[in-house]
């Protein structure tokens, strides 16, 4: 089987140990999870020109984690002092990728920042900070309850899953048409889907790539993306 081509927006890095200059990167665990699923992962340059045309050559999209979206993207007039790594170029590109993938029915898996990008792209808002170290989901593994009958439940085969989280922001107002598919015990939105979407789409606030190499339920999210991409190609 020819490996479906999965587009993954690159993240900017000011330095890397193997290169002399600033770089565009993606997490190795993320790339390996797509590869294990049978996909061909391809990092794409964050330039927000002709995004729909550029995505047309791909069979699926993975929106990965990263820094925070600029608060003005969802109508906030003030910026919390914990907001970090904001990049307008990255924001422009990720939002365009989310809209283009959903509009075209391109299979889409959104992870952490990716979930927040989709929410904002569809008119939702974010809570800029969850309340400091005692409330933030950073370096935390906790149970997440998954709604039955969702694509998330179908992919993982689980109604409860141990999720590896690293985020200090969360969904506030849910974007237009989106449905919550998973929550943490404190009520944090941990999953979103778009009922009636043209193509396969699910989003998770946690990082399934962290444990996908040893946990079939987390690897199954990448498997489902690649399978949907294969079925569409």
C-alpha atoms as a PDB file:
ATOM      1  CA  UNK A   1       0.000   0.000   0.000  1.00  0.00           C
ATOM      2  CA  UNK A   2       1.312   3.443  -0.892  1.00  0.00           C
ATOM      3  CA  UNK A   3       1.691   5.458   2.267  1.00  0.00           C
ATOM      4  CA  UNK A   4      -0.854   8.313   2.480  1.00  0.00           C
ATOM      5  CA  UNK A   5       0.877  11.680   2.621  1.00  0.00           C
ATOM      6  CA  UNK A   6       0.168  13.463   5.914  1.00  0.00           C
ATOM      7  CA  UNK A   7       0.891  17.197   6.120  1.00  0.00           C
ATOM      8  CA  UNK A   8       2.197  18.417   9.487  1.00  0.00           C
ATOM      9  CA  UNK A   9       2.753  22.178   9.890  1.00  0.00           C
ATOM     10  CA  UNK A  10       6.290  22.781  11.085  1.00  0.00           C
ATOM     11  CA  UNK A  11       7.054  24.653  14.287  1.00  0.00           C
ATOM     12  CA  UNK A  12       9.674  27.392  14.506  1.00  0.00           C
ATOM     13  CA  UNK A  13      12.677  26.735  16.751  1.00  0.00           C
ATOM     14  CA  UNK A  14      15.293  29.364  17.563  1.00  0.00           C
ATOM     15  CA  UNK A  15      17.992  26.682  17.718  1.00  0.00           C
ATOM     16  CA  UNK A  16      18.543  22.930  17.567  1.00  0.00           C
ATOM     17  CA  UNK A  17      21.510  20.873  18.682  1.00  0.00           C
ATOM     18  CA  UNK A  18      22.258  19.513  15.198  1.00  0.00           C
ATOM     19  CA  UNK A  19      21.920  22.736  13.191  1.00  0.00           C
ATOM     20  CA  UNK A  20      23.774  26.036  13.236  1.00  0.00           C
ATOM     21  CA  UNK A  21      20.682  28.171  12.570  1.00  0.00           C
ATOM     22  CA  UNK A  22      17.053  28.559  13.540  1.00  0.00           C
ATOM     23  CA  UNK A  23      14.971  25.633  12.349  1.00  0.00           C
ATOM     24  CA  UNK A  24      11.520  24.392  11.436  1.00  0.00           C
ATOM     25  CA  UNK A  25      10.769  21.218  13.370  1.00  0.00           C
ATOM     26  CA  UNK A  26       8.271  18.604  14.431  1.00  0.00           C
ATOM     27  CA  UNK A  27       8.458  16.263  17.404  1.00  0.00           C
ATOM     28  CA  UNK A  28      10.079  12.931  16.570  1.00  0.00           C
ATOM     29  CA  UNK A  29       7.438  11.054  18.591  1.00  0.00           C
ATOM     30  CA  UNK A  30       4.737  12.619  16.416  1.00  0.00           C
ATOM     31  CA  UNK A  31       6.499  11.724  13.175  1.00  0.00           C
ATOM     32  CA  UNK A  32       7.106   8.166  14.337  1.00  0.00           C
ATOM     33  CA  UNK A  33       3.467   7.701  15.353  1.00  0.00           C
ATOM     34  CA  UNK A  34       2.310   8.678  11.849  1.00  0.00           C
ATOM     35  CA  UNK A  35       4.937   6.385  10.307  1.00  0.00           C
ATOM     36  CA  UNK A  36       3.897   3.437  12.499  1.00  0.00           C
ATOM     37  CA  UNK A  37       0.322   4.020  11.341  1.00  0.00           C
ATOM     38  CA  UNK A  38       1.420   3.578   7.727  1.00  0.00           C
ATOM     39  CA  UNK A  39       1.508   7.248   6.779  1.00  0.00           C
ATOM     40  CA  UNK A  40       4.230   9.332   5.149  1.00  0.00           C
ATOM     41  CA  UNK A  41       4.692  12.340   7.466  1.00  0.00           C
ATOM     42  CA  UNK A  42       5.689  15.560   5.706  1.00  0.00           C
ATOM     43  CA  UNK A  43       6.489  18.803   7.539  1.00  0.00           C
ATOM     44  CA  UNK A  44       5.207  21.828   5.634  1.00  0.00           C
ATOM     45  CA  UNK A  45       6.516  25.386   5.764  1.00  0.00           C
ATOM     46  CA  UNK A  46       4.273  27.845   7.675  1.00  0.00           C
ATOM     47  CA  UNK A  47       3.585  30.338   4.896  1.00  0.00           C
ATOM     48  CA  UNK A  48      -0.076  31.356   4.713  1.00  0.00           C
ATOM     49  CA  UNK A  49      -0.285  31.769   0.924  1.00  0.00           C
ATOM     50  CA  UNK A  50      -2.292  29.397  -1.253  1.00  0.00           C
ATOM     51  CA  UNK A  51      -2.875  27.097   1.709  1.00  0.00           C
ATOM     52  CA  UNK A  52      -5.845  25.225   0.210  1.00  0.00           C
ATOM     53  CA  UNK A  53      -3.933  24.615  -3.028  1.00  0.00           C
ATOM     54  CA  UNK A  54      -0.865  23.413  -1.135  1.00  0.00           C
ATOM     55  CA  UNK A  55      -2.924  21.010   0.975  1.00  0.00           C
ATOM     56  CA  UNK A  56      -4.644  19.560  -2.081  1.00  0.00           C
ATOM     57  CA  UNK A  57      -1.633  17.321  -2.791  1.00  0.00           C
ATOM     58  CA  UNK A  58      -1.906  15.686   0.648  1.00  0.00           C
ATOM     59  CA  UNK A  59      -4.164  12.878   1.860  1.00  0.00           C
ATOM     60  CA  UNK A  60      -4.510  14.078   5.462  1.00  0.00           C
ATOM     61  CA  UNK A  61      -3.402  16.730   7.959  1.00  0.00           C
ATOM     62  CA  UNK A  62      -2.078  16.612  11.511  1.00  0.00           C
ATOM     63  CA  UNK A  63      -2.180  19.899  13.443  1.00  0.00           C
ATOM     64  CA  UNK A  64       0.405  19.466  16.230  1.00  0.00           C
ATOM     65  CA  UNK A  65       1.019  21.121  19.575  1.00  0.00           C
ATOM     66  CA  UNK A  66       3.065  24.277  20.046  1.00  0.00           C
ATOM     67  CA  UNK A  67       3.025  27.699  21.683  1.00  0.00           C
ATOM     68  CA  UNK A  68       0.006  29.838  22.477  1.00  0.00           C
ATOM     69  CA  UNK A  69      -2.260  31.559  19.985  1.00  0.00           C
ATOM     70  CA  UNK A  70      -2.263  35.357  20.189  1.00  0.00           C
ATOM     71  CA  UNK A  71      -5.243  36.297  22.393  1.00  0.00           C
ATOM     72  CA  UNK A  72      -6.501  38.840  19.852  1.00  0.00           C
ATOM     73  CA  UNK A  73      -7.238  35.883  17.549  1.00  0.00           C
ATOM     74  CA  UNK A  74     -10.247  35.087  19.717  1.00  0.00           C
ATOM     75  CA  UNK A  75     -11.241  38.639  20.618  1.00  0.00           C
ATOM     76  CA  UNK A  76      -9.346  39.124  23.881  1.00  0.00           C
ATOM     77  CA  UNK A  77      -8.149  42.668  24.517  1.00  0.00           C
ATOM     78  CA  UNK A  78      -5.653  41.814  27.263  1.00  0.00           C
ATOM     79  CA  UNK A  79      -2.851  39.242  27.333  1.00  0.00           C
ATOM     80  CA  UNK A  80      -2.166  37.127  30.408  1.00  0.00           C
ATOM     81  CA  UNK A  81       1.475  37.202  31.486  1.00  0.00           C
ATOM     82  CA  UNK A  82       1.789  33.420  31.089  1.00  0.00           C
ATOM     83  CA  UNK A  83       1.058  33.490  27.348  1.00  0.00           C
ATOM     84  CA  UNK A  84       4.185  32.317  25.538  1.00  0.00           C
ATOM     85  CA  UNK A  85       5.779  31.667  22.126  1.00  0.00           C
ATOM     86  CA  UNK A  86       3.196  33.664  20.182  1.00  0.00           C
ATOM     87  CA  UNK A  87       4.069  33.911  16.493  1.00  0.00           C
ATOM     88  CA  UNK A  88       1.769  35.688  14.034  1.00  0.00           C
ATOM     89  CA  UNK A  89       3.122  33.757  11.049  1.00  0.00           C
ATOM     90  CA  UNK A  90       2.455  30.453  12.800  1.00  0.00           C
ATOM     91  CA  UNK A  91      -1.017  31.579  13.870  1.00  0.00           C
ATOM     92  CA  UNK A  92      -1.972  32.750  10.377  1.00  0.00           C
ATOM     93  CA  UNK A  93      -0.853  29.487   8.845  1.00  0.00           C
ATOM     94  CA  UNK A  94      -2.368  27.095  11.388  1.00  0.00           C
ATOM     95  CA  UNK A  95      -5.749  28.847  11.271  1.00  0.00           C
ATOM     96  CA  UNK A  96      -5.762  28.695   7.473  1.00  0.00           C
ATOM     97  CA  UNK A  97      -4.785  25.013   7.549  1.00  0.00           C
ATOM     98  CA  UNK A  98      -7.633  24.214   9.948  1.00  0.00           C
ATOM     99  CA  UNK A  99     -10.209  26.040   7.831  1.00  0.00           C
ATOM    100  CA  UNK A 100      -8.942  24.616   4.547  1.00  0.00           C
ATOM    101  CA  UNK A 101      -8.851  21.030   5.819  1.00  0.00           C
ATOM    102  CA  UNK A 102     -12.361  21.213   7.253  1.00  0.00           C
ATOM    103  CA  UNK A 103     -13.757  22.979   4.176  1.00  0.00           C
ATOM    104  CA  UNK A 104     -12.280  20.390   1.816  1.00  0.00           C
ATOM    105  CA  UNK A 105     -13.038  17.310   3.908  1.00  0.00           C
ATOM    106  CA  UNK A 106      -9.360  16.449   4.256  1.00  0.00           C
ATOM    107  CA  UNK A 107      -8.908  14.033   7.206  1.00  0.00           C
ATOM    108  CA  UNK A 108      -7.653  16.032  10.168  1.00  0.00           C
ATOM    109  CA  UNK A 109      -6.255  15.121  13.575  1.00  0.00           C
ATOM    110  CA  UNK A 110      -5.616  18.122  15.857  1.00  0.00           C
ATOM    111  CA  UNK A 111      -3.467  17.815  18.981  1.00  0.00           C
ATOM    112  CA  UNK A 112      -3.193  20.230  21.947  1.00  0.00           C
ATOM    113  CA  UNK A 113      -2.553  23.645  20.316  1.00  0.00           C
ATOM    114  CA  UNK A 114      -4.120  22.089  17.219  1.00  0.00           C
ATOM    115  CA  UNK A 115      -7.416  21.599  19.069  1.00  0.00           C
ATOM    116  CA  UNK A 116      -7.295  25.211  20.233  1.00  0.00           C
ATOM    117  CA  UNK A 117      -6.563  26.386  16.679  1.00  0.00           C
ATOM    118  CA  UNK A 118      -9.618  24.582  15.316  1.00  0.00           C
ATOM    119  CA  UNK A 119     -11.782  25.972  18.119  1.00  0.00           C
ATOM    120  CA  UNK A 120     -10.647  29.531  17.396  1.00  0.00           C
ATOM    121  CA  UNK A 121     -10.922  29.041  13.617  1.00  0.00           C
ATOM    122  CA  UNK A 122     -14.609  28.229  14.159  1.00  0.00           C
ATOM    123  CA  UNK A 123     -15.276  31.243  16.367  1.00  0.00           C
ATOM    124  CA  UNK A 124     -14.515  29.767  19.788  1.00  0.00           C
ATOM    125  CA  UNK A 125     -12.475  31.295  22.578  1.00  0.00           C
ATOM    126  CA  UNK A 126      -9.792  30.152  25.010  1.00  0.00           C
ATOM    127  CA  UNK A 127      -9.156  30.601  28.720  1.00  0.00           C
ATOM    128  CA  UNK A 128      -5.706  32.183  28.624  1.00  0.00           C
ATOM    129  CA  UNK A 129      -4.496  30.566  31.837  1.00  0.00           C
ATOM    130  CA  UNK A 130      -6.066  27.793  33.895  1.00  0.00           C
ATOM    131  CA  UNK A 131      -4.946  29.218  37.240  1.00  0.00           C
ATOM    132  CA  UNK A 132      -1.290  28.481  37.838  1.00  0.00           C
ATOM    133  CA  UNK A 133       0.695  25.311  38.576  1.00  0.00           C
ATOM    134  CA  UNK A 134      -1.944  23.850  40.887  1.00  0.00           C
ATOM    135  CA  UNK A 135      -4.550  23.840  38.102  1.00  0.00           C
ATOM    136  CA  UNK A 136      -2.585  23.730  34.845  1.00  0.00           C
ATOM    137  CA  UNK A 137      -2.325  20.395  33.050  1.00  0.00           C
ATOM    138  CA  UNK A 138       1.444  20.476  32.592  1.00  0.00           C
ATOM    139  CA  UNK A 139       3.482  17.276  32.838  1.00  0.00           C
ATOM    140  CA  UNK A 140       0.313  15.574  34.045  1.00  0.00           C
ATOM    141  CA  UNK A 141      -1.147  12.176  33.224  1.00  0.00           C
ATOM    142  CA  UNK A 142      -4.794  12.022  34.180  1.00  0.00           C
ATOM    143  CA  UNK A 143      -7.976  10.174  33.189  1.00  0.00           C
ATOM    144  CA  UNK A 144     -10.183  11.590  30.467  1.00  0.00           C
ATOM    145  CA  UNK A 145     -13.784  10.509  29.959  1.00  0.00           C
ATOM    146  CA  UNK A 146     -14.724   9.998  26.280  1.00  0.00           C
ATOM    147  CA  UNK A 147     -18.263  10.335  24.923  1.00  0.00           C
ATOM    148  CA  UNK A 148     -19.710   7.168  23.453  1.00  0.00           C
ATOM    149  CA  UNK A 149     -20.501   7.121  19.747  1.00  0.00           C
ATOM    150  CA  UNK A 150     -17.860   9.714  18.832  1.00  0.00           C
ATOM    151  CA  UNK A 151     -15.058   9.277  16.329  1.00  0.00           C
ATOM    152  CA  UNK A 152     -12.705   9.566  19.295  1.00  0.00           C
ATOM    153  CA  UNK A 153     -14.352   6.620  21.016  1.00  0.00           C
ATOM    154  CA  UNK A 154     -14.442   4.640  17.787  1.00  0.00           C
ATOM    155  CA  UNK A 155     -10.738   5.257  17.161  1.00  0.00           C
ATOM    156  CA  UNK A 156      -9.449   4.522  20.664  1.00  0.00           C
ATOM    157  CA  UNK A 157     -12.010   1.886  21.625  1.00  0.00           C
ATOM    158  CA  UNK A 158     -12.131   3.530  25.060  1.00  0.00           C
ATOM    159  CA  UNK A 159     -14.637   5.394  27.214  1.00  0.00           C
ATOM    160  CA  UNK A 160     -11.869   6.435  29.601  1.00  0.00           C
ATOM    161  CA  UNK A 161      -8.223   6.954  28.756  1.00  0.00           C
ATOM    162  CA  UNK A 162      -5.063   8.015  30.601  1.00  0.00           C
ATOM    163  CA  UNK A 163      -3.976  11.195  28.845  1.00  0.00           C
ATOM    164  CA  UNK A 164      -0.528  12.800  28.812  1.00  0.00           C
ATOM    165  CA  UNK A 165      -1.139  16.545  29.028  1.00  0.00           C
ATOM    166  CA  UNK A 166       0.984  19.648  28.711  1.00  0.00           C
ATOM    167  CA  UNK A 167      -1.111  22.812  28.543  1.00  0.00           C
ATOM    168  CA  UNK A 168      -1.957  25.845  30.660  1.00  0.00           C
ATOM    169  CA  UNK A 169      -4.827  27.053  28.453  1.00  0.00           C
ATOM    170  CA  UNK A 170      -8.130  25.414  27.591  1.00  0.00           C
ATOM    171  CA  UNK A 171     -11.306  25.892  25.604  1.00  0.00           C
ATOM    172  CA  UNK A 172     -13.649  28.529  27.010  1.00  0.00           C
ATOM    173  CA  UNK A 173     -16.460  29.022  24.462  1.00  0.00           C
ATOM    174  CA  UNK A 174     -16.781  26.129  22.013  1.00  0.00           C
ATOM    175  CA  UNK A 175     -16.575  27.068  18.329  1.00  0.00           C
ATOM    176  CA  UNK A 176     -19.601  27.033  16.029  1.00  0.00           C
ATOM    177  CA  UNK A 177     -20.765  23.504  15.211  1.00  0.00           C
ATOM    178  CA  UNK A 178     -18.190  21.777  17.405  1.00  0.00           C
ATOM    179  CA  UNK A 179     -19.192  19.150  19.946  1.00  0.00           C
ATOM    180  CA  UNK A 180     -17.278  18.233  23.100  1.00  0.00           C
ATOM    181  CA  UNK A 181     -16.216  14.582  22.957  1.00  0.00           C
ATOM    182  CA  UNK A 182     -14.065  14.277  26.089  1.00  0.00           C
ATOM    183  CA  UNK A 183     -13.505  15.990  29.416  1.00  0.00           C
ATOM    184  CA  UNK A 184     -11.090  15.773  32.336  1.00  0.00           C
ATOM    185  CA  UNK A 185     -12.395  15.410  35.875  1.00  0.00           C
ATOM    186  CA  UNK A 186     -12.126  19.184  36.418  1.00  0.00           C
ATOM    187  CA  UNK A 187     -14.356  19.835  33.400  1.00  0.00           C
ATOM    188  CA  UNK A 188     -11.589  20.810  30.994  1.00  0.00           C
ATOM    189  CA  UNK A 189     -12.529  20.115  27.392  1.00  0.00           C
ATOM    190  CA  UNK A 190     -10.207  17.339  26.213  1.00  0.00           C
ATOM    191  CA  UNK A 191     -11.786  16.484  22.862  1.00  0.00           C
ATOM    192  CA  UNK A 192     -13.727  18.155  20.061  1.00  0.00           C
ATOM    193  CA  UNK A 193     -15.405  16.984  16.865  1.00  0.00           C
ATOM    194  CA  UNK A 194     -17.546  18.561  14.156  1.00  0.00           C
ATOM    195  CA  UNK A 195     -20.713  16.534  13.597  1.00  0.00           C
ATOM    196  CA  UNK A 196     -21.618  16.548   9.922  1.00  0.00           C
ATOM    197  CA  UNK A 197     -18.084  17.407   8.809  1.00  0.00           C
ATOM    198  CA  UNK A 198     -17.250  16.465   5.223  1.00  0.00           C
ATOM    199  CA  UNK A 199     -14.246  14.416   6.269  1.00  0.00           C
ATOM    200  CA  UNK A 200     -12.863  12.528   9.267  1.00  0.00           C
ATOM    201  CA  UNK A 201     -11.907  14.952  12.042  1.00  0.00           C
ATOM    202  CA  UNK A 202     -11.184  14.686  15.724  1.00  0.00           C
ATOM    203  CA  UNK A 203      -9.191  16.838  18.132  1.00  0.00           C
ATOM    204  CA  UNK A 204      -7.643  16.090  21.515  1.00  0.00           C
ATOM    205  CA  UNK A 205      -6.184  18.468  24.084  1.00  0.00           C
ATOM    206  CA  UNK A 206      -3.614  15.926  25.241  1.00  0.00           C
ATOM    207  CA  UNK A 207      -0.510  14.492  23.519  1.00  0.00           C
ATOM    208  CA  UNK A 208      -1.215  10.935  22.312  1.00  0.00           C
ATOM    209  CA  UNK A 209       2.231  10.787  20.692  1.00  0.00           C
ATOM    210  CA  UNK A 210       3.835  10.746  24.162  1.00  0.00           C
ATOM    211  CA  UNK A 211       2.708   7.181  24.829  1.00  0.00           C
ATOM    212  CA  UNK A 212       1.634   5.922  21.387  1.00  0.00           C
ATOM    213  CA  UNK A 213       4.721   3.707  21.140  1.00  0.00           C
ATOM    214  CA  UNK A 214       3.502   1.628  24.095  1.00  0.00           C
ATOM    215  CA  UNK A 215      -0.243   2.268  24.287  1.00  0.00           C
ATOM    216  CA  UNK A 216      -2.385   0.965  21.401  1.00  0.00           C
ATOM    217  CA  UNK A 217      -5.296   3.250  22.323  1.00  0.00           C
ATOM    218  CA  UNK A 218      -3.175   6.350  21.711  1.00  0.00           C
ATOM    219  CA  UNK A 219      -1.519   4.934  18.596  1.00  0.00           C
ATOM    220  CA  UNK A 220      -5.024   4.189  17.311  1.00  0.00           C
ATOM    221  CA  UNK A 221      -5.659   7.910  16.837  1.00  0.00           C
ATOM    222  CA  UNK A 222      -2.833   8.094  14.314  1.00  0.00           C
ATOM    223  CA  UNK A 223      -3.974   4.808  12.763  1.00  0.00           C
ATOM    224  CA  UNK A 224      -7.468   6.256  12.291  1.00  0.00           C
ATOM    225  CA  UNK A 225      -6.107   9.415  10.639  1.00  0.00           C
ATOM    226  CA  UNK A 226      -3.969   7.433   8.206  1.00  0.00           C
ATOM    227  CA  UNK A 227      -6.795   5.013   7.454  1.00  0.00           C
ATOM    228  CA  UNK A 228      -9.147   7.912   6.693  1.00  0.00           C
ATOM    229  CA  UNK A 229      -6.456   9.447   4.485  1.00  0.00           C
ATOM    230  CA  UNK A 230      -6.002   6.129   2.665  1.00  0.00           C
ATOM    231  CA  UNK A 231      -9.754   5.738   2.131  1.00  0.00           C
ATOM    232  CA  UNK A 232      -9.957   9.251   0.679  1.00  0.00           C
ATOM    233  CA  UNK A 233      -6.946   8.963  -1.635  1.00  0.00           C
END
